[in-house]
N, C-alpha and C. Protein backbone atom coordinates (compact mmCIF):
# COMPACT_ATOMS: atom_id res chain seq x y z
N UNK A 1 15.55 -6.99 6.14
CA UNK A 1 15.22 -7.56 7.41
C UNK A 1 13.69 -7.46 7.61
N UNK A 2 13.03 -8.58 7.69
CA UNK A 2 11.59 -8.57 7.86
C UNK A 2 11.16 -8.41 9.29
N UNK A 3 9.90 -7.99 9.46
CA UNK A 3 9.31 -7.94 10.80
C UNK A 3 9.57 -6.65 11.59
N UNK A 4 10.15 -5.63 10.95
CA UNK A 4 10.47 -4.43 11.66
C UNK A 4 9.39 -3.36 11.57
N UNK A 5 8.38 -3.60 10.70
CA UNK A 5 7.30 -2.67 10.54
C UNK A 5 7.47 -1.62 9.47
N UNK A 6 8.41 -1.85 8.56
CA UNK A 6 8.63 -0.90 7.51
C UNK A 6 7.44 -0.68 6.61
N UNK A 7 6.77 -1.77 6.25
CA UNK A 7 5.59 -1.70 5.43
C UNK A 7 4.47 -0.97 6.16
N UNK A 8 4.32 -1.24 7.42
CA UNK A 8 3.28 -0.59 8.22
C UNK A 8 3.49 0.90 8.24
N UNK A 9 4.71 1.34 8.49
CA UNK A 9 5.05 2.78 8.52
C UNK A 9 4.76 3.38 7.14
N UNK A 10 5.15 2.70 6.07
CA UNK A 10 4.91 3.22 4.73
C UNK A 10 3.41 3.33 4.45
N UNK A 11 2.64 2.36 4.89
CA UNK A 11 1.17 2.39 4.71
C UNK A 11 0.56 3.59 5.43
N UNK A 12 1.02 3.80 6.65
CA UNK A 12 0.49 4.96 7.39
C UNK A 12 0.76 6.25 6.69
N UNK A 13 1.95 6.43 6.20
CA UNK A 13 2.28 7.64 5.46
C UNK A 13 1.50 7.72 4.15
N UNK A 14 1.39 6.60 3.43
CA UNK A 14 0.71 6.53 2.10
C UNK A 14 -0.75 6.92 2.25
N UNK A 15 -1.40 6.49 3.34
CA UNK A 15 -2.81 6.72 3.54
C UNK A 15 -3.15 7.98 4.32
N UNK A 16 -2.13 8.71 4.73
CA UNK A 16 -2.33 9.97 5.46
C UNK A 16 -3.05 11.00 4.51
N UNK A 17 -4.04 11.63 5.07
CA UNK A 17 -4.83 12.59 4.23
C UNK A 17 -4.00 13.69 3.62
N UNK A 18 -3.03 14.24 4.37
CA UNK A 18 -2.16 15.29 3.83
C UNK A 18 -1.34 14.76 2.67
N UNK A 19 -0.92 13.55 2.74
CA UNK A 19 -0.15 12.95 1.64
C UNK A 19 -1.05 12.77 0.42
N UNK A 20 -2.27 12.30 0.64
CA UNK A 20 -3.21 12.11 -0.46
C UNK A 20 -3.51 13.44 -1.17
N UNK A 21 -3.65 14.53 -0.37
CA UNK A 21 -3.90 15.83 -1.00
C UNK A 21 -2.70 16.42 -1.72
N UNK A 22 -1.52 16.12 -1.19
CA UNK A 22 -0.30 16.73 -1.71
C UNK A 22 0.10 16.14 -3.07
N UNK A 23 0.05 14.82 -3.18
CA UNK A 23 0.52 14.17 -4.42
C UNK A 23 -0.63 14.01 -5.39
N UNK A 24 -0.34 14.29 -6.65
CA UNK A 24 -1.32 14.06 -7.73
C UNK A 24 -1.56 12.58 -7.98
N UNK A 25 -0.51 11.81 -7.71
CA UNK A 25 -0.53 10.37 -8.02
C UNK A 25 0.20 9.63 -6.95
N UNK A 26 -0.42 8.58 -6.41
CA UNK A 26 0.25 7.72 -5.45
C UNK A 26 0.20 6.27 -6.00
N UNK A 27 1.36 5.63 -5.92
CA UNK A 27 1.47 4.27 -6.45
C UNK A 27 2.14 3.35 -5.45
N UNK A 28 1.61 2.13 -5.30
CA UNK A 28 2.20 1.16 -4.41
C UNK A 28 2.45 -0.09 -5.24
N UNK A 29 3.71 -0.47 -5.32
CA UNK A 29 4.09 -1.64 -6.13
C UNK A 29 4.87 -2.59 -5.28
N UNK A 30 4.46 -3.84 -5.31
CA UNK A 30 5.20 -4.90 -4.57
C UNK A 30 6.29 -5.48 -5.48
N UNK A 31 7.45 -5.59 -4.92
CA UNK A 31 8.62 -6.03 -5.66
C UNK A 31 9.15 -7.32 -5.00
N UNK A 32 9.30 -8.33 -5.80
CA UNK A 32 9.88 -9.58 -5.25
C UNK A 32 11.38 -9.54 -5.40
N UNK A 33 12.04 -10.48 -4.76
CA UNK A 33 13.53 -10.52 -4.83
C UNK A 33 14.03 -10.83 -6.21
N UNK A 34 13.30 -11.53 -7.00
CA UNK A 34 13.72 -11.88 -8.35
C UNK A 34 13.02 -11.04 -9.44
N UNK A 35 12.94 -9.72 -9.18
CA UNK A 35 12.24 -8.85 -10.10
C UNK A 35 12.98 -8.64 -11.42
N UNK A 36 12.24 -8.31 -12.43
CA UNK A 36 12.81 -7.91 -13.71
C UNK A 36 12.41 -6.45 -13.91
N UNK A 37 13.33 -5.65 -14.42
CA UNK A 37 13.06 -4.23 -14.59
C UNK A 37 11.87 -3.97 -15.49
N UNK A 38 11.78 -4.70 -16.59
CA UNK A 38 10.67 -4.50 -17.54
C UNK A 38 9.32 -4.75 -16.81
N UNK A 39 9.22 -5.84 -16.07
CA UNK A 39 7.99 -6.13 -15.35
C UNK A 39 7.69 -5.08 -14.29
N UNK A 40 8.77 -4.63 -13.61
CA UNK A 40 8.59 -3.59 -12.57
C UNK A 40 8.03 -2.32 -13.17
N UNK A 41 8.59 -1.91 -14.27
CA UNK A 41 8.08 -0.71 -14.94
C UNK A 41 6.64 -0.90 -15.38
N UNK A 42 6.32 -2.07 -15.87
CA UNK A 42 4.91 -2.36 -16.25
C UNK A 42 4.00 -2.28 -15.04
N UNK A 43 4.42 -2.81 -13.93
CA UNK A 43 3.60 -2.72 -12.69
C UNK A 43 3.43 -1.29 -12.24
N UNK A 44 4.45 -0.46 -12.39
CA UNK A 44 4.36 0.94 -12.01
C UNK A 44 3.35 1.64 -12.91
N UNK A 45 3.40 1.36 -14.19
CA UNK A 45 2.45 1.95 -15.12
C UNK A 45 1.05 1.51 -14.78
N UNK A 46 0.84 0.23 -14.50
CA UNK A 46 -0.48 -0.26 -14.14
C UNK A 46 -0.97 0.42 -12.88
N UNK A 47 -0.11 0.61 -11.90
CA UNK A 47 -0.51 1.26 -10.67
C UNK A 47 -0.89 2.72 -10.91
N UNK A 48 -0.11 3.38 -11.81
CA UNK A 48 -0.37 4.79 -12.08
C UNK A 48 -1.63 4.99 -12.91
N UNK A 49 -2.07 4.00 -13.61
CA UNK A 49 -3.23 4.12 -14.50
C UNK A 49 -4.44 3.32 -14.01
N UNK A 50 -4.45 3.06 -12.70
CA UNK A 50 -5.59 2.37 -12.08
C UNK A 50 -5.81 0.97 -12.69
N UNK A 51 -4.72 0.26 -12.92
CA UNK A 51 -4.85 -1.11 -13.35
C UNK A 51 -4.86 -1.35 -14.83
N UNK A 52 -4.71 -0.28 -15.61
CA UNK A 52 -4.70 -0.47 -17.06
C UNK A 52 -3.45 -1.24 -17.44
N UNK A 53 -3.63 -2.39 -18.10
CA UNK A 53 -2.52 -3.27 -18.43
C UNK A 53 -1.57 -2.63 -19.44
N UNK A 54 -0.30 -2.93 -19.23
CA UNK A 54 0.74 -2.51 -20.17
C UNK A 54 1.20 -3.73 -20.90
N UNK A 55 0.85 -3.87 -22.15
CA UNK A 55 1.03 -5.11 -22.90
C UNK A 55 2.29 -5.19 -23.75
N UNK A 56 3.35 -4.54 -23.34
CA UNK A 56 4.61 -4.61 -24.12
C UNK A 56 5.75 -4.99 -23.21
N UNK A 57 6.76 -5.55 -23.76
CA UNK A 57 7.99 -5.81 -23.00
C UNK A 57 9.15 -5.04 -23.61
N UNK A 58 8.83 -4.20 -24.58
CA UNK A 58 9.86 -3.37 -25.19
C UNK A 58 10.26 -2.25 -24.26
N UNK A 59 11.50 -2.19 -23.85
CA UNK A 59 11.98 -1.25 -22.84
C UNK A 59 11.79 0.20 -23.30
N UNK A 60 12.03 0.53 -24.57
CA UNK A 60 11.83 1.87 -25.04
C UNK A 60 10.38 2.31 -24.93
N UNK A 61 9.48 1.43 -25.32
CA UNK A 61 8.04 1.74 -25.25
C UNK A 61 7.60 1.93 -23.78
N UNK A 62 8.12 1.03 -22.92
CA UNK A 62 7.78 1.13 -21.50
C UNK A 62 8.27 2.46 -20.92
N UNK A 63 9.46 2.85 -21.23
CA UNK A 63 10.01 4.10 -20.72
C UNK A 63 9.20 5.30 -21.22
N UNK A 64 8.86 5.26 -22.50
CA UNK A 64 8.04 6.38 -23.04
C UNK A 64 6.70 6.44 -22.39
N UNK A 65 6.08 5.28 -22.20
CA UNK A 65 4.74 5.23 -21.57
C UNK A 65 4.83 5.75 -20.10
N UNK A 66 5.87 5.32 -19.39
CA UNK A 66 6.05 5.78 -18.02
C UNK A 66 6.24 7.27 -17.94
N UNK A 67 7.03 7.80 -18.85
CA UNK A 67 7.21 9.28 -18.89
C UNK A 67 5.87 9.97 -19.15
N UNK A 68 5.07 9.45 -20.07
CA UNK A 68 3.77 10.04 -20.38
C UNK A 68 2.88 10.06 -19.14
N UNK A 69 2.87 8.95 -18.42
CA UNK A 69 1.99 8.80 -17.27
C UNK A 69 2.41 9.72 -16.12
N UNK A 70 3.71 9.92 -15.95
CA UNK A 70 4.21 10.68 -14.83
C UNK A 70 4.46 12.17 -15.14
N UNK A 71 4.54 12.52 -16.42
CA UNK A 71 4.87 13.89 -16.79
C UNK A 71 3.97 14.93 -16.13
N UNK A 72 4.64 15.87 -15.49
CA UNK A 72 3.87 16.98 -14.90
C UNK A 72 3.19 16.67 -13.59
N UNK A 73 3.36 15.48 -13.07
CA UNK A 73 2.66 15.08 -11.87
C UNK A 73 3.64 15.02 -10.69
N UNK A 74 3.17 15.39 -9.54
CA UNK A 74 3.92 15.15 -8.32
C UNK A 74 3.44 13.81 -7.82
N UNK A 75 4.38 12.85 -7.72
CA UNK A 75 3.96 11.51 -7.39
C UNK A 75 4.77 10.89 -6.25
N UNK A 76 4.13 9.94 -5.59
CA UNK A 76 4.72 9.15 -4.57
C UNK A 76 4.73 7.69 -5.05
N UNK A 77 5.88 7.09 -5.02
CA UNK A 77 6.00 5.70 -5.45
C UNK A 77 6.61 4.94 -4.31
N UNK A 78 5.86 3.91 -3.81
CA UNK A 78 6.33 3.05 -2.76
C UNK A 78 6.66 1.70 -3.44
N UNK A 79 7.89 1.27 -3.31
CA UNK A 79 8.33 -0.04 -3.77
C UNK A 79 8.45 -0.93 -2.54
N UNK A 80 7.49 -1.78 -2.32
CA UNK A 80 7.42 -2.62 -1.14
C UNK A 80 7.99 -3.98 -1.46
N UNK A 81 8.94 -4.44 -0.66
CA UNK A 81 9.52 -5.76 -0.91
C UNK A 81 8.64 -6.86 -0.35
N UNK A 82 8.70 -7.98 -1.07
CA UNK A 82 7.96 -9.16 -0.62
C UNK A 82 8.96 -10.21 -0.32
N UNK A 83 8.95 -10.71 0.88
CA UNK A 83 9.87 -11.76 1.28
C UNK A 83 9.37 -13.07 0.75
N UNK A 84 10.25 -13.83 0.19
CA UNK A 84 9.88 -15.15 -0.38
C UNK A 84 10.57 -16.25 0.38
């Protein structure tokens, strides 16, 4: 349901100084209604690595890369929906 302010609330929490200090890694990924899991994982990796492109569509490689990026980190991941 759009227009209720969910993204605004999430942005306020995401940008809160205590949240920034608490989490080693914060990621914000926009997800469309017709998402593909492989692309979504790639976007998460890109967000976690400051935009470093993930050039594979192999699910095993993507999962391994995601584990490497997140291992040992306390992270916040916001999956924000995009209405189309």
